[in-house]
């Protein structure tokens, strides 16, 4: 029966602790959400999650960082009051691009040019 020496156990233990620390830190990386107003008119009272953006003129964009693992809720007032809720929670480190369309709808994409599944 092989016996592990302390020379081997210390690096293995430190590696395990480092791996757990990296996993814990990576779960707390905030997600980023970009909101782009392509509606053709200005928007007021814009909130993304708990972040208040305020007013967005036509063609203007803003980026906010939000804590991961919560469903994304966007509220704004354009031609009418509108609330949008994402199907899935925001993942750690995920980037989401939200285009506000002329009918006050929201087109959610993972990156610029790619649609979310």
N, C-alpha and C. Protein backbone atom coordinates (compact mmCIF):
# COMPACT_ATOMS: atom_id res chain seq x y z
N UNK A 1 0.84 -1.17 0.00
CA UNK A 1 0.00 0.00 0.00
C UNK A 1 0.88 1.24 0.00
N UNK A 2 0.58 2.14 -0.93
CA UNK A 2 1.39 3.34 -1.06
C UNK A 2 0.94 4.40 -0.06
N UNK A 3 1.89 5.08 0.52
CA UNK A 3 1.61 6.13 1.47
C UNK A 3 2.05 7.45 0.84
N UNK A 4 1.15 8.45 0.88
CA UNK A 4 1.48 9.76 0.34
C UNK A 4 2.26 10.55 1.37
N UNK A 5 3.32 11.16 0.93
CA UNK A 5 4.15 11.94 1.85
C UNK A 5 3.59 13.36 1.98
N UNK A 6 4.10 14.07 2.94
CA UNK A 6 3.67 15.46 3.14
C UNK A 6 4.08 16.33 1.96
N UNK A 7 5.16 15.98 1.29
CA UNK A 7 5.60 16.75 0.11
C UNK A 7 4.55 16.71 -1.00
N UNK A 8 3.78 15.63 -1.04
CA UNK A 8 2.75 15.49 -2.06
C UNK A 8 1.41 16.06 -1.56
N UNK A 9 1.10 15.86 -0.29
CA UNK A 9 -0.19 16.29 0.25
C UNK A 9 -0.35 17.81 0.30
N UNK A 10 0.71 18.56 0.65
CA UNK A 10 0.61 20.02 0.72
C UNK A 10 0.25 20.64 -0.62
N UNK A 11 0.94 20.30 -1.70
CA UNK A 11 0.53 20.88 -3.00
C UNK A 11 -0.87 20.47 -3.43
N UNK A 12 -1.27 19.22 -3.14
CA UNK A 12 -2.62 18.79 -3.50
C UNK A 12 -3.67 19.57 -2.71
N UNK A 13 -3.43 19.75 -1.42
CA UNK A 13 -4.37 20.51 -0.58
C UNK A 13 -4.46 21.96 -1.01
N UNK A 14 -3.32 22.59 -1.28
CA UNK A 14 -3.32 23.98 -1.74
C UNK A 14 -3.99 24.12 -3.10
N UNK A 15 -3.80 23.16 -3.97
CA UNK A 15 -4.45 23.18 -5.28
C UNK A 15 -5.97 23.10 -5.14
N UNK A 16 -6.43 22.24 -4.25
CA UNK A 16 -7.86 22.09 -4.02
C UNK A 16 -8.45 23.38 -3.45
N UNK A 17 -7.76 23.98 -2.50
CA UNK A 17 -8.23 25.24 -1.93
C UNK A 17 -8.26 26.34 -2.99
N UNK A 18 -7.23 26.43 -3.81
CA UNK A 18 -7.18 27.44 -4.87
C UNK A 18 -8.30 27.22 -5.88
N UNK A 19 -8.59 25.98 -6.22
CA UNK A 19 -9.65 25.68 -7.17
C UNK A 19 -11.02 26.08 -6.60
N UNK A 20 -11.26 25.81 -5.34
CA UNK A 20 -12.52 26.20 -4.71
C UNK A 20 -12.65 27.72 -4.63
N UNK A 21 -11.55 28.41 -4.36
CA UNK A 21 -11.58 29.87 -4.29
C UNK A 21 -11.90 30.47 -5.66
N UNK A 22 -11.28 29.94 -6.71
CA UNK A 22 -11.54 30.43 -8.08
C UNK A 22 -13.00 30.19 -8.46
N UNK A 23 -13.53 29.01 -8.12
CA UNK A 23 -14.93 28.71 -8.41
C UNK A 23 -15.86 29.66 -7.68
N UNK A 24 -15.56 29.95 -6.42
CA UNK A 24 -16.40 30.85 -5.64
C UNK A 24 -16.35 32.28 -6.21
N UNK A 25 -15.16 32.75 -6.59
CA UNK A 25 -15.02 34.10 -7.14
C UNK A 25 -15.70 34.21 -8.51
N UNK A 26 -15.62 33.17 -9.32
CA UNK A 26 -16.21 33.23 -10.66
C UNK A 26 -17.73 33.27 -10.60
N UNK A 27 -18.32 32.75 -9.55
CA UNK A 27 -19.78 32.78 -9.42
C UNK A 27 -20.28 34.17 -9.06
N UNK A 28 -19.39 35.06 -8.62
CA UNK A 28 -19.82 36.40 -8.23
C UNK A 28 -19.48 37.47 -9.27
N UNK A 29 -19.04 37.06 -10.46
CA UNK A 29 -18.75 38.02 -11.53
C UNK A 29 -20.07 38.61 -12.03
N UNK A 30 -20.20 39.92 -12.08
CA UNK A 30 -21.47 40.50 -12.53
C UNK A 30 -21.67 40.32 -14.03
N UNK A 31 -22.94 40.29 -14.42
CA UNK A 31 -23.29 40.27 -15.84
C UNK A 31 -23.40 41.69 -16.35
N UNK A 32 -23.26 41.87 -17.65
CA UNK A 32 -23.35 43.21 -18.25
C UNK A 32 -24.51 43.21 -19.23
N UNK A 33 -25.30 44.27 -19.16
CA UNK A 33 -26.45 44.42 -20.04
C UNK A 33 -26.34 45.75 -20.76
N UNK A 34 -26.37 45.70 -22.09
CA UNK A 34 -26.36 46.91 -22.91
C UNK A 34 -27.77 47.15 -23.42
N UNK A 35 -28.27 48.35 -23.26
CA UNK A 35 -29.60 48.73 -23.74
C UNK A 35 -29.41 49.75 -24.86
N UNK A 36 -29.94 49.43 -26.04
CA UNK A 36 -29.81 50.30 -27.20
C UNK A 36 -31.21 50.72 -27.64
N UNK A 37 -31.46 52.02 -27.67
CA UNK A 37 -32.77 52.55 -28.05
C UNK A 37 -32.82 52.76 -29.56
N UNK A 38 -33.54 51.89 -30.26
CA UNK A 38 -33.74 52.01 -31.70
C UNK A 38 -35.22 52.21 -32.00
N UNK A 39 -35.93 52.82 -31.07
CA UNK A 39 -37.38 52.92 -31.19
C UNK A 39 -37.84 54.07 -32.09
N UNK A 40 -36.99 55.05 -32.32
CA UNK A 40 -37.39 56.21 -33.10
C UNK A 40 -37.94 57.33 -32.25
N UNK A 41 -38.02 57.12 -30.95
CA UNK A 41 -38.47 58.15 -30.01
C UNK A 41 -37.73 57.97 -28.68
N UNK A 42 -37.81 58.97 -27.85
CA UNK A 42 -37.14 58.91 -26.56
C UNK A 42 -37.88 58.03 -25.56
N UNK A 43 -37.14 57.51 -24.60
CA UNK A 43 -37.71 56.69 -23.53
C UNK A 43 -37.44 57.36 -22.20
N UNK A 44 -38.38 57.22 -21.28
CA UNK A 44 -38.20 57.77 -19.94
C UNK A 44 -38.38 56.66 -18.92
N UNK A 45 -37.95 56.92 -17.70
CA UNK A 45 -38.10 56.00 -16.57
C UNK A 45 -37.56 54.61 -16.89
N UNK A 46 -36.39 54.53 -17.50
CA UNK A 46 -35.80 53.25 -17.88
C UNK A 46 -35.07 52.65 -16.68
N UNK A 47 -35.43 51.43 -16.33
CA UNK A 47 -34.73 50.68 -15.29
C UNK A 47 -34.40 49.30 -15.84
N UNK A 48 -33.20 48.83 -15.51
CA UNK A 48 -32.76 47.49 -15.89
C UNK A 48 -32.37 46.79 -14.60
N UNK A 49 -33.15 45.80 -14.20
CA UNK A 49 -32.92 45.18 -12.90
C UNK A 49 -33.14 46.22 -11.82
N UNK A 50 -32.13 46.40 -10.97
CA UNK A 50 -32.21 47.40 -9.91
C UNK A 50 -31.51 48.70 -10.29
N UNK A 51 -30.95 48.75 -11.49
CA UNK A 51 -30.23 49.94 -11.94
C UNK A 51 -31.18 50.90 -12.65
N UNK A 52 -31.19 52.15 -12.21
CA UNK A 52 -32.01 53.18 -12.85
C UNK A 52 -31.18 53.91 -13.89
N UNK A 53 -31.62 53.84 -15.13
CA UNK A 53 -30.93 54.53 -16.22
C UNK A 53 -31.51 55.92 -16.41
N UNK A 54 -32.82 56.04 -16.26
CA UNK A 54 -33.46 57.35 -16.43
C UNK A 54 -33.99 57.52 -17.83
N UNK A 55 -33.40 58.42 -18.60
CA UNK A 55 -33.90 58.75 -19.93
C UNK A 55 -32.92 58.26 -20.99
N UNK A 56 -33.47 57.73 -22.09
CA UNK A 56 -32.67 57.32 -23.25
C UNK A 56 -33.24 57.99 -24.49
N UNK A 57 -32.44 58.81 -25.15
CA UNK A 57 -32.87 59.42 -26.40
C UNK A 57 -32.77 58.38 -27.52
N UNK A 58 -33.37 58.68 -28.65
CA UNK A 58 -33.32 57.77 -29.78
C UNK A 58 -31.87 57.58 -30.23
N UNK A 59 -31.45 56.34 -30.42
CA UNK A 59 -30.09 56.03 -30.85
C UNK A 59 -29.08 55.96 -29.72
N UNK A 60 -29.48 56.28 -28.52
CA UNK A 60 -28.57 56.29 -27.37
C UNK A 60 -28.49 54.88 -26.76
N UNK A 61 -27.37 54.58 -26.14
CA UNK A 61 -27.20 53.28 -25.49
C UNK A 61 -26.55 53.46 -24.13
N UNK A 62 -26.79 52.52 -23.24
CA UNK A 62 -26.19 52.48 -21.91
C UNK A 62 -25.84 51.05 -21.57
N UNK A 63 -24.80 50.89 -20.76
CA UNK A 63 -24.38 49.57 -20.29
C UNK A 63 -24.41 49.58 -18.77
N UNK A 64 -25.02 48.55 -18.19
CA UNK A 64 -25.08 48.42 -16.73
C UNK A 64 -24.54 47.05 -16.33
N UNK A 65 -23.95 47.00 -15.14
CA UNK A 65 -23.50 45.73 -14.56
C UNK A 65 -24.49 45.33 -13.49
N UNK A 66 -24.92 44.07 -13.55
CA UNK A 66 -25.91 43.56 -12.61
C UNK A 66 -25.41 42.27 -11.98
N UNK A 67 -25.83 42.00 -10.75
CA UNK A 67 -25.46 40.72 -10.14
C UNK A 67 -26.05 39.56 -10.93
N UNK A 68 -25.30 38.49 -11.02
CA UNK A 68 -25.76 37.32 -11.77
C UNK A 68 -26.84 36.57 -10.98
N UNK A 69 -27.42 35.61 -11.64
CA UNK A 69 -28.41 34.67 -11.08
C UNK A 69 -29.72 35.34 -10.67
N UNK A 70 -30.10 36.37 -11.34
CA UNK A 70 -31.44 36.92 -11.14
C UNK A 70 -32.06 37.17 -12.51
N UNK A 71 -33.37 36.95 -12.61
CA UNK A 71 -34.06 37.19 -13.87
C UNK A 71 -34.01 38.69 -14.18
N UNK A 72 -33.80 39.00 -15.41
CA UNK A 72 -33.65 40.39 -15.82
C UNK A 72 -35.02 41.01 -16.08
N UNK A 73 -35.30 42.16 -15.47
CA UNK A 73 -36.56 42.87 -15.67
C UNK A 73 -36.23 44.27 -16.16
N UNK A 74 -36.81 44.65 -17.30
CA UNK A 74 -36.59 45.97 -17.89
C UNK A 74 -37.93 46.70 -17.91
N UNK A 75 -37.93 47.91 -17.37
CA UNK A 75 -39.14 48.75 -17.37
C UNK A 75 -38.79 50.09 -18.03
N UNK A 76 -39.70 50.57 -18.86
CA UNK A 76 -39.51 51.88 -19.48
C UNK A 76 -40.84 52.43 -19.95
N UNK A 77 -40.85 53.72 -20.24
CA UNK A 77 -42.04 54.38 -20.78
C UNK A 77 -41.64 55.03 -22.09
N UNK A 78 -42.20 54.50 -23.18
CA UNK A 78 -41.98 55.07 -24.50
C UNK A 78 -43.30 55.65 -24.96
N UNK A 79 -43.91 55.01 -25.96
CA UNK A 79 -45.25 55.40 -26.38
C UNK A 79 -46.27 54.93 -25.34
N UNK A 80 -45.88 53.92 -24.57
CA UNK A 80 -46.71 53.40 -23.48
C UNK A 80 -45.77 52.79 -22.44
N UNK A 81 -46.29 52.50 -21.27
CA UNK A 81 -45.47 51.86 -20.23
C UNK A 81 -45.26 50.40 -20.62
N UNK A 82 -44.04 49.92 -20.42
CA UNK A 82 -43.70 48.56 -20.87
C UNK A 82 -42.81 47.90 -19.83
N UNK A 83 -43.06 46.61 -19.58
CA UNK A 83 -42.22 45.79 -18.71
C UNK A 83 -41.85 44.53 -19.47
N UNK A 84 -40.57 44.20 -19.46
CA UNK A 84 -40.07 42.99 -20.13
C UNK A 84 -39.30 42.16 -19.13
N UNK A 85 -39.50 40.84 -19.15
CA UNK A 85 -38.82 39.93 -18.24
C UNK A 85 -38.13 38.84 -19.05
N UNK A 86 -36.87 38.57 -18.74
CA UNK A 86 -36.12 37.55 -19.47
C UNK A 86 -36.60 36.15 -19.06
N UNK A 87 -36.46 35.22 -19.99
CA UNK A 87 -36.85 33.84 -19.72
C UNK A 87 -35.90 33.15 -18.76
N UNK A 88 -34.62 33.47 -18.88
CA UNK A 88 -33.60 32.81 -18.07
C UNK A 88 -32.86 33.85 -17.24
N UNK A 89 -32.30 33.44 -16.11
CA UNK A 89 -31.54 34.40 -15.29
C UNK A 89 -30.23 34.79 -15.98
N UNK A 90 -29.71 35.92 -15.58
CA UNK A 90 -28.43 36.40 -16.09
C UNK A 90 -27.32 35.57 -15.45
N UNK A 91 -26.44 35.02 -16.27
CA UNK A 91 -25.36 34.16 -15.77
C UNK A 91 -24.15 34.99 -15.38
N UNK A 92 -23.27 34.46 -14.52
CA UNK A 92 -22.06 35.20 -14.16
C UNK A 92 -21.21 35.50 -15.39
N UNK A 93 -20.87 36.75 -15.58
CA UNK A 93 -20.03 37.16 -16.71
C UNK A 93 -20.74 37.23 -18.04
N UNK A 94 -22.03 36.97 -18.09
CA UNK A 94 -22.77 36.99 -19.36
C UNK A 94 -22.98 38.43 -19.83
N UNK A 95 -22.92 38.60 -21.14
CA UNK A 95 -23.23 39.89 -21.75
C UNK A 95 -24.52 39.75 -22.53
N UNK A 96 -25.45 40.66 -22.32
CA UNK A 96 -26.72 40.65 -23.03
C UNK A 96 -26.93 42.02 -23.66
N UNK A 97 -27.37 42.03 -24.91
CA UNK A 97 -27.66 43.28 -25.61
C UNK A 97 -29.16 43.34 -25.85
N UNK A 98 -29.80 44.41 -25.39
CA UNK A 98 -31.24 44.58 -25.55
C UNK A 98 -31.50 45.74 -26.50
N UNK A 99 -32.13 45.44 -27.62
CA UNK A 99 -32.51 46.47 -28.59
C UNK A 99 -33.98 46.81 -28.35
N UNK A 100 -34.30 48.08 -28.15
CA UNK A 100 -35.69 48.50 -28.01
C UNK A 100 -36.17 48.91 -29.40
N UNK A 101 -37.19 48.22 -29.88
CA UNK A 101 -37.67 48.36 -31.26
C UNK A 101 -38.75 49.45 -31.36
N UNK A 102 -39.14 49.85 -32.60
CA UNK A 102 -40.12 50.93 -32.78
C UNK A 102 -41.48 50.67 -32.14
N UNK A 103 -41.88 49.42 -31.98
CA UNK A 103 -43.17 49.13 -31.34
C UNK A 103 -43.04 48.96 -29.82
N UNK A 104 -41.95 49.49 -29.25
CA UNK A 104 -41.63 49.38 -27.83
C UNK A 104 -41.44 47.93 -27.39
N UNK A 105 -41.04 47.07 -28.30
CA UNK A 105 -40.69 45.70 -27.96
C UNK A 105 -39.20 45.63 -27.64
N UNK A 106 -38.76 44.48 -27.16
CA UNK A 106 -37.35 44.29 -26.85
C UNK A 106 -36.84 43.07 -27.60
N UNK A 107 -35.75 43.26 -28.31
CA UNK A 107 -35.07 42.20 -29.05
C UNK A 107 -33.80 41.87 -28.27
N UNK A 108 -33.78 40.72 -27.59
CA UNK A 108 -32.64 40.35 -26.74
C UNK A 108 -31.66 39.51 -27.54
N UNK A 109 -30.38 39.87 -27.43
CA UNK A 109 -29.32 39.14 -28.12
C UNK A 109 -28.17 38.86 -27.16
N UNK A 110 -27.46 37.79 -27.44
CA UNK A 110 -26.33 37.42 -26.59
C UNK A 110 -25.15 38.34 -26.80
N UNK A 111 -24.81 38.61 -28.03
CA UNK A 111 -23.78 39.57 -28.41
C UNK A 111 -24.34 40.36 -29.57
N UNK A 112 -23.66 41.37 -29.99
CA UNK A 112 -24.16 42.14 -31.13
C UNK A 112 -24.22 41.22 -32.34
N UNK A 113 -25.41 41.09 -32.90
CA UNK A 113 -25.61 40.29 -34.10
C UNK A 113 -26.02 38.86 -33.86
N UNK A 114 -26.04 38.37 -32.62
CA UNK A 114 -26.43 36.97 -32.37
C UNK A 114 -27.67 36.95 -31.49
N UNK A 115 -28.63 36.10 -31.83
CA UNK A 115 -29.86 35.99 -31.07
C UNK A 115 -29.68 35.01 -29.93
N UNK A 116 -30.40 35.26 -28.83
CA UNK A 116 -30.39 34.32 -27.71
C UNK A 116 -31.28 33.14 -28.06
N UNK A 117 -30.90 31.94 -27.62
CA UNK A 117 -31.73 30.77 -27.93
C UNK A 117 -33.05 30.79 -27.19
